[in-house]
C-alpha atoms as a PDB file:
ATOM      1  CA  MET A   1      32.323  -8.243  20.212  1.00  0.00           C
ATOM      2  CA  GLN A   2      29.432 -10.063  18.587  1.00  0.00           C
ATOM      3  CA  LYS A   3      26.346  -8.143  17.606  1.00  0.00           C
ATOM      4  CA  PRO A   4      22.965  -9.255  18.952  1.00  0.00           C
ATOM      5  CA  CYS A   5      20.575 -11.097  16.733  1.00  0.00           C
ATOM      6  CA  LEU A   6      18.319  -8.782  14.728  1.00  0.00           C
ATOM      7  CA  LEU A   7      15.623 -10.932  13.225  1.00  0.00           C
ATOM      8  CA  ARG A   8      12.943  -8.336  12.926  1.00  0.00           C
ATOM      9  CA  ARG A   9      12.455  -4.638  13.416  1.00  0.00           C
ATOM     10  CA  SER A  10       9.279  -2.652  12.994  1.00  0.00           C
ATOM     11  CA  ILE A  11       9.019   1.054  12.365  1.00  0.00           C
ATOM     12  CA  ILE A  12       6.022   2.804  13.850  1.00  0.00           C
ATOM     13  CA  VAL A  13       5.485   6.172  12.224  1.00  0.00           C
ATOM     14  CA  LYS A  14       2.930   8.475  13.747  1.00  0.00           C
ATOM     15  CA  ASP A  15       0.392  10.470  11.782  1.00  0.00           C
ATOM     16  CA  ILE A  16       0.727   8.339   8.636  1.00  0.00           C
ATOM     17  CA  PRO A  17      -2.715   7.763   7.040  1.00  0.00           C
ATOM     18  CA  MET A  18      -2.147   4.077   6.326  1.00  0.00           C
ATOM     19  CA  SER A  19      -4.206   1.053   7.235  1.00  0.00           C
ATOM     20  CA  THR A  20      -1.177   0.035   9.283  1.00  0.00           C
ATOM     21  CA  THR A  21       1.831   2.113  10.273  1.00  0.00           C
ATOM     22  CA  THR A  22       4.037  -0.885  11.070  1.00  0.00           C
ATOM     23  CA  LEU A  23       6.756  -1.354   8.467  1.00  0.00           C
ATOM     24  CA  GLU A  24       8.276  -4.799   8.392  1.00  0.00           C
ATOM     25  CA  THR A  25       8.641  -5.876   4.765  1.00  0.00           C
ATOM     26  CA  LEU A  26      10.495  -4.174   1.918  1.00  0.00           C
ATOM     27  CA  ALA A  27      10.131  -5.321  -1.678  1.00  0.00           C
ATOM     28  CA  ILE A  28      13.086  -4.375  -3.861  1.00  0.00           C
ATOM     29  CA  ILE A  29      12.710  -4.592  -7.624  1.00  0.00           C
ATOM     30  CA  GLY A  30      16.079  -4.968  -9.301  1.00  0.00           C
ATOM     31  CA  ALA A  31      18.826  -7.298  -8.057  1.00  0.00           C
ATOM     32  CA  GLY A  32      21.798  -5.391  -9.412  1.00  0.00           C
ATOM     33  CA  GLN A  33      24.451  -3.653  -7.318  1.00  0.00           C
ATOM     34  CA  ILE A  34      22.100  -1.078  -5.814  1.00  0.00           C
ATOM     35  CA  GLY A  35      19.167  -3.426  -5.236  1.00  0.00           C
ATOM     36  CA  THR A  36      21.355  -6.084  -3.644  1.00  0.00           C
ATOM     37  CA  GLY A  37      23.042  -3.439  -1.503  1.00  0.00           C
ATOM     38  CA  ILE A  38      19.685  -2.146  -0.280  1.00  0.00           C
ATOM     39  CA  ALA A  39      18.632  -5.728   0.455  1.00  0.00           C
ATOM     40  CA  GLN A  40      21.769  -6.368   2.518  1.00  0.00           C
ATOM     41  CA  THR A  41      21.286  -3.152   4.483  1.00  0.00           C
ATOM     42  CA  ALA A  42      17.609  -3.892   5.118  1.00  0.00           C
ATOM     43  CA  LEU A  43      18.284  -7.454   6.250  1.00  0.00           C
ATOM     44  CA  THR A  44      20.983  -6.382   8.695  1.00  0.00           C
ATOM     45  CA  THR A  45      18.683  -3.754  10.214  1.00  0.00           C
ATOM     46  CA  GLY A  46      15.908  -6.240  10.896  1.00  0.00           C
ATOM     47  CA  PHE A  47      13.600  -6.095   7.890  1.00  0.00           C
ATOM     48  CA  LYS A  48      12.065  -8.867   5.868  1.00  0.00           C
ATOM     49  CA  VAL A  49      13.130  -8.453   2.229  1.00  0.00           C
ATOM     50  CA  ILE A  50      11.550  -9.563  -1.032  1.00  0.00           C
ATOM     51  CA  LEU A  51      14.106  -9.237  -3.840  1.00  0.00           C
ATOM     52  CA  ILE A  52      12.598  -9.317  -7.319  1.00  0.00           C
ATOM     53  CA  ASP A  53      14.267  -9.372 -10.730  1.00  0.00           C
ATOM     54  CA  GLN A  54      13.196 -10.484 -14.185  1.00  0.00           C
ATOM     55  CA  SER A  55      16.403 -12.502 -14.491  1.00  0.00           C
ATOM     56  CA  GLU A  56      16.693 -15.721 -12.499  1.00  0.00           C
ATOM     57  CA  GLU A  57      20.432 -15.664 -13.165  1.00  0.00           C
ATOM     58  CA  GLN A  58      20.740 -12.184 -11.645  1.00  0.00           C
ATOM     59  CA  LEU A  59      18.754 -13.300  -8.609  1.00  0.00           C
ATOM     60  CA  LYS A  60      21.083 -16.275  -8.196  1.00  0.00           C
ATOM     61  CA  ILE A  61      24.124 -13.971  -8.338  1.00  0.00           C
ATOM     62  CA  ALA A  62      22.544 -11.603  -5.804  1.00  0.00           C
ATOM     63  CA  ALA A  63      21.648 -14.428  -3.423  1.00  0.00           C
ATOM     64  CA  GLU A  64      25.164 -15.876  -3.602  1.00  0.00           C
ATOM     65  CA  ASN A  65      26.698 -12.457  -2.968  1.00  0.00           C
ATOM     66  CA  LEU A  66      24.509 -11.958   0.101  1.00  0.00           C
ATOM     67  CA  LYS A  67      25.286 -15.433   1.435  1.00  0.00           C
ATOM     68  CA  ASP A  68      29.014 -14.869   0.924  1.00  0.00           C
ATOM     69  CA  THR A  69      28.861 -11.477   2.633  1.00  0.00           C
ATOM     70  CA  PHE A  70      27.054 -12.808   5.681  1.00  0.00           C
ATOM     71  CA  ALA A  71      29.355 -15.848   5.844  1.00  0.00           C
ATOM     72  CA  ARG A  72      32.412 -13.561   5.916  1.00  0.00           C
ATOM     73  CA  LYS A  73      30.873 -11.443   8.666  1.00  0.00           C
ATOM     74  CA  LEU A  74      30.194 -14.596  10.681  1.00  0.00           C
ATOM     75  CA  GLU A  75      33.737 -15.857  10.156  1.00  0.00           C
ATOM     76  CA  ARG A  76      35.163 -12.513  11.311  1.00  0.00           C
ATOM     77  CA  GLY A  77      32.983 -12.448  14.400  1.00  0.00           C
ATOM     78  CA  GLN A  78      31.056  -9.375  13.229  1.00  0.00           C
ATOM     79  CA  ILE A  79      27.747 -11.227  13.618  1.00  0.00           C
ATOM     80  CA  ASP A  80      26.684 -14.331  15.523  1.00  0.00           C
ATOM     81  CA  GLN A  81      25.162 -17.515  14.109  1.00  0.00           C
ATOM     82  CA  ALA A  82      21.612 -16.518  15.053  1.00  0.00           C
ATOM     83  CA  SER A  83      21.926 -13.209  13.198  1.00  0.00           C
ATOM     84  CA  HIS A  84      23.436 -14.952  10.163  1.00  0.00           C
ATOM     85  CA  ASP A  85      20.600 -17.472  10.034  1.00  0.00           C
ATOM     86  CA  GLY A  86      17.993 -14.785  10.658  1.00  0.00           C
ATOM     87  CA  TYR A  87      19.183 -12.613   7.770  1.00  0.00           C
ATOM     88  CA  LEU A  88      18.938 -15.514   5.329  1.00  0.00           C
ATOM     89  CA  ALA A  89      15.543 -16.598   6.701  1.00  0.00           C
ATOM     90  CA  ASN A  90      14.191 -13.077   6.152  1.00  0.00           C
ATOM     91  CA  LEU A  91      15.211 -13.047   2.472  1.00  0.00           C
ATOM     92  CA  GLN A  92      12.728 -14.067  -0.200  1.00  0.00           C
ATOM     93  CA  SER A  93      13.415 -13.735  -3.920  1.00  0.00           C
ATOM     94  CA  GLY A  94      11.753 -14.452  -7.236  1.00  0.00           C
ATOM     95  CA  ILE A  95      10.816 -13.152 -10.672  1.00  0.00           C
ATOM     96  CA  ASP A  96       7.099 -12.674  -9.939  1.00  0.00           C
ATOM     97  CA  LEU A  97       6.230  -8.986  -9.516  1.00  0.00           C
ATOM     98  CA  SER A  98       3.029  -9.888  -7.677  1.00  0.00           C
ATOM     99  CA  GLN A  99       5.207 -10.617  -4.624  1.00  0.00           C
ATOM    100  CA  VAL A 100       4.988  -6.889  -3.848  1.00  0.00           C
ATOM    101  CA  ARG A 101       1.501  -7.451  -2.441  1.00  0.00           C
ATOM    102  CA  THR A 102       2.828  -8.161   1.063  1.00  0.00           C
ATOM    103  CA  ALA A 103       5.257  -5.226   1.210  1.00  0.00           C
ATOM    104  CA  ASN A 104       4.712  -1.986   3.102  1.00  0.00           C
ATOM    105  CA  VAL A 105       7.341  -0.271   0.976  1.00  0.00           C
ATOM    106  CA  VAL A 106       8.396  -1.072  -2.583  1.00  0.00           C
ATOM    107  CA  ILE A 107      11.742   0.258  -3.798  1.00  0.00           C
ATOM    108  CA  GLU A 108      12.350   0.162  -7.547  1.00  0.00           C
ATOM    109  CA  ALA A 109      16.083  -0.109  -8.263  1.00  0.00           C
ATOM    110  CA  VAL A 110      16.348  -1.063 -11.940  1.00  0.00           C
ATOM    111  CA  SER A 111      18.611   0.521 -14.544  1.00  0.00           C
ATOM    112  CA  GLU A 112      18.349   4.231 -15.373  1.00  0.00           C
ATOM    113  CA  ILE A 113      15.944   3.644 -18.259  1.00  0.00           C
ATOM    114  CA  GLU A 114      12.788   5.649 -17.757  1.00  0.00           C
ATOM    115  CA  ASP A 115      10.551   3.452 -19.911  1.00  0.00           C
ATOM    116  CA  ALA A 116      11.639   0.368 -17.943  1.00  0.00           C
ATOM    117  CA  LYS A 117      10.732   2.056 -14.674  1.00  0.00           C
ATOM    118  CA  ARG A 118       7.356   3.168 -16.003  1.00  0.00           C
ATOM    119  CA  SER A 119       6.524  -0.332 -17.210  1.00  0.00           C
ATOM    120  CA  ILE A 120       7.278  -1.727 -13.748  1.00  0.00           C
ATOM    121  CA  TYR A 121       4.960   0.780 -12.053  1.00  0.00           C
ATOM    122  CA  LYS A 122       2.200  -0.210 -14.440  1.00  0.00           C
ATOM    123  CA  ALA A 123       2.828  -3.923 -13.921  1.00  0.00           C
ATOM    124  CA  ILE A 124       2.715  -3.790 -10.114  1.00  0.00           C
ATOM    125  CA  ALA A 125      -0.187  -1.341  -9.728  1.00  0.00           C
ATOM    126  CA  ALA A 126      -2.863  -4.022  -9.272  1.00  0.00           C
ATOM    127  CA  ASP A 127      -0.818  -5.879  -6.627  1.00  0.00           C
ATOM    128  CA  LEU A 128       0.371  -2.962  -4.512  1.00  0.00           C
ATOM    129  CA  ARG A 129      -1.244  -2.526  -1.125  1.00  0.00           C
ATOM    130  CA  PRO A 130      -3.410   0.611  -1.118  1.00  0.00           C
ATOM    131  CA  ASP A 131      -1.266   2.075   1.662  1.00  0.00           C
ATOM    132  CA  ALA A 132       2.128   1.027   0.256  1.00  0.00           C
ATOM    133  CA  MET A 133       4.804   3.622  -0.374  1.00  0.00           C
ATOM    134  CA  LEU A 134       6.489   3.347  -3.775  1.00  0.00           C
ATOM    135  CA  ALA A 135      10.063   4.646  -3.939  1.00  0.00           C
ATOM    136  CA  THR A 136      12.516   4.830  -6.797  1.00  0.00           C
ATOM    137  CA  ALA A 137      16.265   4.587  -6.348  1.00  0.00           C
ATOM    138  CA  THR A 138      16.892   6.621  -9.499  1.00  0.00           C
ATOM    139  CA  SER A 139      20.042   8.682  -9.415  1.00  0.00           C
ATOM    140  CA  SER A 140      18.906  11.320 -11.881  1.00  0.00           C
ATOM    141  CA  ILE A 141      15.406  11.041 -13.394  1.00  0.00           C
ATOM    142  CA  SER A 142      12.599  13.433 -12.441  1.00  0.00           C
ATOM    143  CA  ILE A 143      10.639  12.132  -9.452  1.00  0.00           C
ATOM    144  CA  THR A 144       7.620  14.183 -10.465  1.00  0.00           C
ATOM    145  CA  ARG A 145       7.590  12.641 -13.934  1.00  0.00           C
ATOM    146  CA  LEU A 146       8.094   9.094 -12.673  1.00  0.00           C
ATOM    147  CA  GLY A 147       5.471   9.533  -9.962  1.00  0.00           C
ATOM    148  CA  ALA A 148       2.936  10.760 -12.501  1.00  0.00           C
ATOM    149  CA  SER A 149       3.336   7.480 -14.391  1.00  0.00           C
ATOM    150  CA  SER A 150       2.452   5.454 -11.279  1.00  0.00           C
ATOM    151  CA  ASP A 151      -0.954   4.836  -9.731  1.00  0.00           C
ATOM    152  CA  ARG A 152       0.016   6.789  -6.569  1.00  0.00           C
ATOM    153  CA  PRO A 153       1.873  10.059  -7.209  1.00  0.00           C
ATOM    154  CA  HIS A 154       1.074  11.166  -3.642  1.00  0.00           C
ATOM    155  CA  ARG A 155       2.789   8.081  -2.174  1.00  0.00           C
ATOM    156  CA  PHE A 156       5.719   8.140  -4.591  1.00  0.00           C
ATOM    157  CA  ILE A 157       9.176   9.413  -3.613  1.00  0.00           C
ATOM    158  CA  GLY A 158      12.832   9.265  -4.591  1.00  0.00           C
ATOM    159  CA  MET A 159      15.355   7.483  -2.345  1.00  0.00           C
ATOM    160  CA  HIS A 160      18.756   7.691  -4.014  1.00  0.00           C
ATOM    161  CA  PHE A 161      21.136   5.271  -2.298  1.00  0.00           C
ATOM    162  CA  MET A 162      24.860   5.629  -2.928  1.00  0.00           C
ATOM    163  CA  ASN A 163      27.008   2.741  -4.155  1.00  0.00           C
ATOM    164  CA  PRO A 164      28.122   0.566  -2.389  1.00  0.00           C
ATOM    165  CA  VAL A 165      24.954   0.883  -0.329  1.00  0.00           C
ATOM    166  CA  PRO A 166      26.090  -0.924   2.863  1.00  0.00           C
ATOM    167  CA  ALA A 167      29.176   1.292   3.169  1.00  0.00           C
ATOM    168  CA  MET A 168      27.773   4.693   2.184  1.00  0.00           C
ATOM    169  CA  GLN A 169      26.025   6.702   4.871  1.00  0.00           C
ATOM    170  CA  VAL A 170      23.781   8.980   2.812  1.00  0.00           C
ATOM    171  CA  VAL A 171      20.413   8.603   1.108  1.00  0.00           C
ATOM    172  CA  GLU A 172      19.071  11.494  -0.928  1.00  0.00           C
ATOM    173  CA  ILE A 173      15.343  11.968  -0.326  1.00  0.00           C
ATOM    174  CA  ILE A 174      13.551  13.669  -3.214  1.00  0.00           C
ATOM    175  CA  ARG A 175       9.854  14.431  -3.231  1.00  0.00           C
ATOM    176  CA  GLY A 176       7.894  14.986  -6.425  1.00  0.00           C
ATOM    177  CA  ILE A 177       5.412  17.802  -6.773  1.00  0.00           C
ATOM    178  CA  ALA A 178       2.552  15.464  -5.760  1.00  0.00           C
ATOM    179  CA  THR A 179       4.345  13.646  -2.905  1.00  0.00           C
ATOM    180  CA  ASP A 180       2.396  14.170   0.317  1.00  0.00           C
ATOM    181  CA  ASP A 181       3.900  15.067   3.679  1.00  0.00           C
ATOM    182  CA  ALA A 182       3.164  11.661   5.210  1.00  0.00           C
ATOM    183  CA  THR A 183       5.166   9.876   2.506  1.00  0.00           C
ATOM    184  CA  PHE A 184       8.015  12.354   2.867  1.00  0.00           C
ATOM    185  CA  GLU A 185       8.213  11.776   6.619  1.00  0.00           C
ATOM    186  CA  LEU A 186       7.949   8.014   6.171  1.00  0.00           C
ATOM    187  CA  ALA A 187      10.841   7.975   3.700  1.00  0.00           C
ATOM    188  CA  LYS A 188      13.035   9.936   6.104  1.00  0.00           C
ATOM    189  CA  ALA A 189      12.140   7.582   8.962  1.00  0.00           C
ATOM    190  CA  LEU A 190      12.902   4.562   6.784  1.00  0.00           C
ATOM    191  CA  ALA A 191      16.301   5.956   5.797  1.00  0.00           C
ATOM    192  CA  ASP A 192      17.088   6.564   9.448  1.00  0.00           C
ATOM    193  CA  LYS A 193      16.129   3.018  10.468  1.00  0.00           C
ATOM    194  CA  LEU A 194      18.294   1.670   7.650  1.00  0.00           C
ATOM    195  CA  GLY A 195      21.191   3.455   9.315  1.00  0.00           C
ATOM    196  CA  LYS A 196      21.460   6.164   6.656  1.00  0.00           C
ATOM    197  CA  LYS A 197      21.560   9.939   6.914  1.00  0.00           C
ATOM    198  CA  PRO A 198      18.651  11.371   4.900  1.00  0.00           C
ATOM    199  CA  ILE A 199      19.716  14.368   2.829  1.00  0.00           C
ATOM    200  CA  ILE A 200      16.889  16.351   1.275  1.00  0.00           C
ATOM    201  CA  ALA A 201      17.325  17.249  -2.388  1.00  0.00           C
ATOM    202  CA  GLU A 202      15.027  19.137  -4.727  1.00  0.00           C
ATOM    203  CA  ASP A 203      13.669  17.457  -7.840  1.00  0.00           C
ATOM    204  CA  PHE A 204      16.215  18.777 -10.342  1.00  0.00           C
ATOM    205  CA  PRO A 205      18.321  16.698 -12.755  1.00  0.00           C
ATOM    206  CA  ALA A 206      20.815  14.407 -10.933  1.00  0.00           C
ATOM    207  CA  PHE A 207      19.858  15.874  -7.521  1.00  0.00           C
ATOM    208  CA  ILE A 208      22.876  16.832  -5.318  1.00  0.00           C
ATOM    209  CA  VAL A 209      25.598  14.179  -5.318  1.00  0.00           C
ATOM    210  CA  ASN A 210      25.561  13.384  -9.019  1.00  0.00           C
ATOM    211  CA  ARG A 211      25.057  17.034  -9.972  1.00  0.00           C
ATOM    212  CA  VAL A 212      28.458  17.704  -8.383  1.00  0.00           C
ATOM    213  CA  LEU A 213      30.221  14.360  -8.973  1.00  0.00           C
ATOM    214  CA  LEU A 214      29.441  13.476 -12.588  1.00  0.00           C
ATOM    215  CA  PRO A 215      30.672  16.717 -14.184  1.00  0.00           C
ATOM    216  CA  MET A 216      33.978  16.151 -12.362  1.00  0.00           C
ATOM    217  CA  LEU A 217      34.248  12.621 -13.754  1.00  0.00           C
ATOM    218  CA  ASN A 218      33.288  13.849 -17.216  1.00  0.00           C
ATOM    219  CA  GLU A 219      35.957  16.566 -16.984  1.00  0.00           C
ATOM    220  CA  ALA A 220      38.521  13.917 -16.057  1.00  0.00           C
ATOM    221  CA  VAL A 221      37.612  12.051 -19.253  1.00  0.00           C
ATOM    222  CA  TYR A 222      37.994  15.313 -21.216  1.00  0.00           C
ATOM    223  CA  THR A 223      41.407  15.770 -19.584  1.00  0.00           C
ATOM    224  CA  LEU A 224      42.394  12.338 -20.895  1.00  0.00           C
ATOM    225  CA  TYR A 225      40.734  12.951 -24.287  1.00  0.00           C
ATOM    226  CA  GLU A 226      42.639  16.219 -24.805  1.00  0.00           C
ATOM    227  CA  GLY A 227      45.954  14.668 -23.820  1.00  0.00           C
ATOM    228  CA  VAL A 228      46.485  16.785 -20.719  1.00  0.00           C
ATOM    229  CA  GLY A 229      47.409  13.692 -18.731  1.00  0.00           C
ATOM    230  CA  SER A 230      47.422   9.907 -18.883  1.00  0.00           C
ATOM    231  CA  VAL A 231      44.952   7.657 -17.052  1.00  0.00           C
ATOM    232  CA  THR A 232      47.505   6.998 -14.329  1.00  0.00           C
ATOM    233  CA  ALA A 233      48.564  10.645 -14.078  1.00  0.00           C
ATOM    234  CA  ILE A 234      44.979  11.918 -13.743  1.00  0.00           C
ATOM    235  CA  ASP A 235      44.047   9.392 -11.067  1.00  0.00           C
ATOM    236  CA  GLU A 236      47.274   9.787  -9.111  1.00  0.00           C
ATOM    237  CA  ALA A 237      47.017  13.582  -9.270  1.00  0.00           C
ATOM    238  CA  MET A 238      43.528  13.577  -7.761  1.00  0.00           C
ATOM    239  CA  LYS A 239      44.321  10.944  -5.126  1.00  0.00           C
ATOM    240  CA  LEU A 240      47.492  12.638  -3.942  1.00  0.00           C
ATOM    241  CA  GLY A 241      46.677  16.238  -4.780  1.00  0.00           C
ATOM    242  CA  ALA A 242      43.023  16.381  -3.698  1.00  0.00           C
ATOM    243  CA  ASN A 243      43.048  13.517  -1.182  1.00  0.00           C
ATOM    244  CA  HIS A 244      40.420  11.543  -3.106  1.00  0.00           C
ATOM    245  CA  PRO A 245      40.269   7.866  -2.069  1.00  0.00           C
ATOM    246  CA  MET A 246      39.857   6.843  -5.728  1.00  0.00           C
ATOM    247  CA  GLY A 247      40.937   8.592  -8.891  1.00  0.00           C
ATOM    248  CA  PRO A 248      38.098   9.922 -11.086  1.00  0.00           C
ATOM    249  CA  LEU A 249      38.689   7.464 -13.927  1.00  0.00           C
ATOM    250  CA  GLU A 250      38.929   4.553 -11.504  1.00  0.00           C
ATOM    251  CA  LEU A 251      35.707   5.755  -9.888  1.00  0.00           C
ATOM    252  CA  ALA A 252      33.983   6.072 -13.263  1.00  0.00           C
ATOM    253  CA  ASP A 253      34.922   2.452 -13.982  1.00  0.00           C
ATOM    254  CA  PHE A 254      33.510   1.449 -10.590  1.00  0.00           C
ATOM    255  CA  ILE A 255      30.207   3.272 -11.195  1.00  0.00           C
ATOM    256  CA  GLY A 256      29.926   1.987 -14.757  1.00  0.00           C
ATOM    257  CA  LEU A 257      30.712   4.105 -17.812  1.00  0.00           C
ATOM    258  CA  ASP A 258      27.240   3.519 -19.234  1.00  0.00           C
ATOM    259  CA  THR A 259      25.736   4.863 -16.014  1.00  0.00           C
ATOM    260  CA  CYS A 260      28.057   7.875 -16.137  1.00  0.00           C
ATOM    261  CA  LEU A 261      27.060   8.578 -19.732  1.00  0.00           C
ATOM    262  CA  SER A 262      23.358   8.233 -18.924  1.00  0.00           C
ATOM    263  CA  LEU A 263      23.687  10.693 -16.049  1.00  0.00           C
ATOM    264  CA  MET A 264      25.549  13.189 -18.221  1.00  0.00           C
ATOM    265  CA  HIS A 265      22.788  12.965 -20.826  1.00  0.00           C
ATOM    266  CA  VAL A 266      20.221  13.707 -18.100  1.00  0.00           C
ATOM    267  CA  LEU A 267      22.198  16.777 -16.999  1.00  0.00           C
ATOM    268  CA  TYR A 268      22.875  17.974 -20.542  1.00  0.00           C
ATOM    269  CA  GLU A 269      19.288  17.565 -21.718  1.00  0.00           C
ATOM    270  CA  GLY A 270      17.647  18.638 -18.470  1.00  0.00           C
ATOM    271  CA  LEU A 271      19.673  21.810 -17.887  1.00  0.00           C
ATOM    272  CA  ALA A 272      20.458  22.701 -21.526  1.00  0.00           C
ATOM    273  CA  ASP A 273      23.973  23.836 -20.642  1.00  0.00           C
ATOM    274  CA  SER A 274      26.974  22.913 -22.800  1.00  0.00           C
ATOM    275  CA  LYS A 275      29.168  22.410 -19.732  1.00  0.00           C
ATOM    276  CA  TYR A 276      27.352  19.106 -19.213  1.00  0.00           C
ATOM    277  CA  ARG A 277      28.055  17.763 -22.723  1.00  0.00           C
ATOM    278  CA  PRO A 278      29.310  14.163 -22.416  1.00  0.00           C
ATOM    279  CA  CYS A 279      32.914  13.728 -23.500  1.00  0.00           C
ATOM    280  CA  PRO A 280      33.175  11.982 -26.916  1.00  0.00           C
ATOM    281  CA  LEU A 281      35.707   9.564 -25.430  1.00  0.00           C
ATOM    282  CA  LEU A 282      33.174   8.476 -22.805  1.00  0.00           C
ATOM    283  CA  VAL A 283      30.660   7.878 -25.597  1.00  0.00           C
ATOM    284  CA  LYS A 284      33.230   5.851 -27.548  1.00  0.00           C
ATOM    285  CA  TYR A 285      34.041   3.593 -24.592  1.00  0.00           C
ATOM    286  CA  VAL A 286      30.365   2.872 -23.991  1.00  0.00           C
ATOM    287  CA  GLU A 287      29.802   2.130 -27.683  1.00  0.00           C
ATOM    288  CA  ALA A 288      32.721  -0.335 -27.516  1.00  0.00           C
ATOM    289  CA  GLY A 289      31.121  -2.098 -24.546  1.00  0.00           C
ATOM    290  CA  TRP A 290      33.971  -1.026 -22.289  1.00  0.00           C
ATOM    291  CA  LEU A 291      31.815  -0.168 -19.310  1.00  0.00           C
ATOM    292  CA  GLY A 292      34.324  -0.509 -16.476  1.00  0.00           C
ATOM    293  CA  ARG A 293      34.715  -3.144 -13.802  1.00  0.00           C
ATOM    294  CA  LYS A 294      31.456  -4.920 -14.581  1.00  0.00           C
ATOM    295  CA  THR A 295      32.633  -5.808 -18.104  1.00  0.00           C
ATOM    296  CA  GLY A 296      36.302  -6.247 -17.184  1.00  0.00           C
ATOM    297  CA  LYS A 297      37.470  -3.267 -19.209  1.00  0.00           C
ATOM    298  CA  GLY A 298      37.013   0.495 -19.109  1.00  0.00           C
ATOM    299  CA  PHE A 299      39.716   3.052 -18.497  1.00  0.00           C
ATOM    300  CA  TYR A 300      41.527   0.098 -16.929  1.00  0.00           C
ATOM    301  CA  ASP A 301      41.859  -3.502 -18.075  1.00  0.00           C
ATOM    302  CA  TYR A 302      40.761  -5.617 -15.092  1.00  0.00           C
ATOM    303  CA  SER A 303      41.943  -8.891 -16.589  1.00  0.00           C
ATOM    304  CA  GLN A 304      45.440  -7.910 -15.469  1.00  0.00           C
ATOM    305  CA  ASP A 305      46.732  -7.747 -11.912  1.00  0.00           C
ATOM    306  CA  PRO A 306      47.097  -4.956 -11.086  1.00  0.00           C
ATOM    307  CA  PRO A 307      44.647  -3.407 -13.597  1.00  0.00           C
ATOM    308  CA  GLN A 308      46.412  -1.582 -16.423  1.00  0.00           C
ATOM    309  CA  PRO A 309      45.287   1.590 -18.264  1.00  0.00           C
ATOM    310  CA  THR A 310      43.654   0.946 -21.631  1.00  0.00           C
ATOM    311  CA  ARG A 311      44.767   4.267 -23.105  1.00  0.00           C
END
């Protein structure tokens, strides 16, 4: 059954002290996996999307991925031609950060480098609408600290989307100490309209999902490092013995080993507990540039079919 055309959807949120409470346009800064996933989800739920990245090449890759995704959905009969055309018509992209000026909500989704995030907030401050909500898709960094570096701590909030965004149902909503109630309610309403279940997390290192998930992945690397089991044995044991859809080392490759290491550093430094110490083998792989699927090699070598363990 074909889905009806969704060219535009507005969210009206009551009791929000904004010059307008109609949300139609999302600006997403960062056209990587998370940013592109948020863009796809927003487009298919009726929003206009402005996708911004400093790299024209990355924007080209993101645009092609979105076009391919929508073309496949059309071919499979999951959407009709009008919806397909509407999604593409509602997508705007470019390298100019001043494009945020027309957005009701700006979602920053760049790499987990705090200085990079801070520089973006500074760069867009003059172009942001006075009533715009600024959200970060960080998976680990303090929302309070990031918000304090922006021009609007009261309208700043964390929205941690899971990867891959279109398939995952949860968004962690994290308010900083200065986040006001109106922004908090708006973020929850936005998550709901994007078809996601908002889960409220406190502003502690790595929030909920990564606080639980990353130590498990790190322990899997330790299990490999200490020779308790091979790559294949560890992944098969967890898939068959714990009913996990992916083994922990396969999942680490999917997330990106550099991202895993960054998150473990946040936990280790933020909580000052030795149980969060990154495994030396994880550090070694990142230093070698073996970052997982995105570089073609991590705990598996993806140049082979099927992928083969590298250790």
